C-alpha atoms as a PDB file:
ATOM      1  CA  UNK A   1      91.197 100.133  89.660  1.00  0.00           C
ATOM      2  CA  UNK A   2      89.020  99.804  92.740  1.00  0.00           C
ATOM      3  CA  UNK A   3      88.142 102.354  95.426  1.00  0.00           C
ATOM      4  CA  UNK A   4      90.766 101.082  97.869  1.00  0.00           C
ATOM      5  CA  UNK A   5      93.521 101.575  95.311  1.00  0.00           C
ATOM      6  CA  UNK A   6      92.160 105.041  94.500  1.00  0.00           C
ATOM      7  CA  UNK A   7      92.421 105.891  98.204  1.00  0.00           C
ATOM      8  CA  UNK A   8      96.060 104.722  98.248  1.00  0.00           C
ATOM      9  CA  UNK A   9      96.863 106.782  95.134  1.00  0.00           C
ATOM     10  CA  UNK A  10      95.260 109.898  96.596  1.00  0.00           C
ATOM     11  CA  UNK A  11      97.094 109.484  99.916  1.00  0.00           C
ATOM     12  CA  UNK A  12     100.430 108.922  98.197  1.00  0.00           C
ATOM     13  CA  UNK A  13      99.955 111.829  95.771  1.00  0.00           C
ATOM     14  CA  UNK A  14      99.107 114.358  98.463  1.00  0.00           C
ATOM     15  CA  UNK A  15     102.060 113.250 100.590  1.00  0.00           C
ATOM     16  CA  UNK A  16     104.491 114.342  97.836  1.00  0.00           C
ATOM     17  CA  UNK A  17     106.178 117.737  97.952  1.00  0.00           C
ATOM     18  CA  UNK A  18     108.022 117.641  94.622  1.00  0.00           C
ATOM     19  CA  UNK A  19     106.891 116.775  91.115  1.00  0.00           C
ATOM     20  CA  UNK A  20     105.993 113.137  90.578  1.00  0.00           C
ATOM     21  CA  UNK A  21     104.781 110.717  87.935  1.00  0.00           C
ATOM     22  CA  UNK A  22     102.164 107.974  87.985  1.00  0.00           C
ATOM     23  CA  UNK A  23     104.943 105.391  87.838  1.00  0.00           C
ATOM     24  CA  UNK A  24     106.491 106.815  91.018  1.00  0.00           C
ATOM     25  CA  UNK A  25     103.115 106.567  92.780  1.00  0.00           C
ATOM     26  CA  UNK A  26     102.642 102.932  91.770  1.00  0.00           C
ATOM     27  CA  UNK A  27     106.193 102.045  92.775  1.00  0.00           C
ATOM     28  CA  UNK A  28     105.795 103.506  96.271  1.00  0.00           C
ATOM     29  CA  UNK A  29     102.438 101.728  96.748  1.00  0.00           C
ATOM     30  CA  UNK A  30     103.942  98.385  95.656  1.00  0.00           C
ATOM     31  CA  UNK A  31     106.956  98.933  97.921  1.00  0.00           C
ATOM     32  CA  UNK A  32     104.690  99.689 100.886  1.00  0.00           C
ATOM     33  CA  UNK A  33     101.844  97.213 100.348  1.00  0.00           C
ATOM     34  CA  UNK A  34     103.074  94.607  97.872  1.00  0.00           C
ATOM     35  CA  UNK A  35     101.470  93.543  94.631  1.00  0.00           C
ATOM     36  CA  UNK A  36      97.804  92.816  94.080  1.00  0.00           C
ATOM     37  CA  UNK A  37      95.619  91.986  91.075  1.00  0.00           C
ATOM     38  CA  UNK A  38      93.582  95.104  91.888  1.00  0.00           C
ATOM     39  CA  UNK A  39      96.442  97.568  91.416  1.00  0.00           C
ATOM     40  CA  UNK A  40      95.880  99.619  88.294  1.00  0.00           C
ATOM     41  CA  UNK A  41      98.453 100.391  85.640  1.00  0.00           C
ATOM     42  CA  UNK A  42     100.303 103.642  84.974  1.00  0.00           C
ATOM     43  CA  UNK A  43      97.665 104.859  82.510  1.00  0.00           C
ATOM     44  CA  UNK A  44      94.859 104.354  85.044  1.00  0.00           C
ATOM     45  CA  UNK A  45      96.780 106.173  87.778  1.00  0.00           C
ATOM     46  CA  UNK A  46      97.574 109.050  85.401  1.00  0.00           C
ATOM     47  CA  UNK A  47      93.904 109.281  84.436  1.00  0.00           C
ATOM     48  CA  UNK A  48      92.899 109.400  88.112  1.00  0.00           C
ATOM     49  CA  UNK A  49      95.565 111.986  89.018  1.00  0.00           C
ATOM     50  CA  UNK A  50      94.315 114.229  86.228  1.00  0.00           C
ATOM     51  CA  UNK A  51      90.852 114.256  87.785  1.00  0.00           C
ATOM     52  CA  UNK A  52      91.835 114.890  91.400  1.00  0.00           C
ATOM     53  CA  UNK A  53      91.288 118.385  92.727  1.00  0.00           C
ATOM     54  CA  UNK A  54      94.476 119.779  94.186  1.00  0.00           C
ATOM     55  CA  UNK A  55      96.736 118.028  91.675  1.00  0.00           C
ATOM     56  CA  UNK A  56      97.977 119.947  88.666  1.00  0.00           C
ATOM     57  CA  UNK A  57      99.612 118.537  85.552  1.00  0.00           C
ATOM     58  CA  UNK A  58     102.996 120.177  84.994  1.00  0.00           C
ATOM     59  CA  UNK A  59     103.700 118.473  81.677  1.00  0.00           C
ATOM     60  CA  UNK A  60     102.923 115.146  80.030  1.00  0.00           C
ATOM     61  CA  UNK A  61     103.078 112.509  82.760  1.00  0.00           C
ATOM     62  CA  UNK A  62     104.355 114.843  85.476  1.00  0.00           C
ATOM     63  CA  UNK A  63     102.113 116.095  88.288  1.00  0.00           C
ATOM     64  CA  UNK A  64     102.417 118.398  91.286  1.00  0.00           C
ATOM     65  CA  UNK A  65     100.267 119.140  94.321  1.00  0.00           C
ATOM     66  CA  UNK A  66      98.748 122.621  94.126  1.00  0.00           C
ATOM     67  CA  UNK A  67      99.766 124.872  96.984  1.00  0.00           C
END
């Protein structure tokens, strides 16, 4: 996962108001920008979401933006 994809993940995650999963983030990025060999997988996105400040893990695989 490169820095451009990380930027897309961060932007997409912070634009959400409800709970979301890494798969939902990847799906919206692919819908918006198309596929690319640099797009990470669900595990990589979940790992990155777990390390972002302002994102809390609700339960296994489900995240929410802290208010």
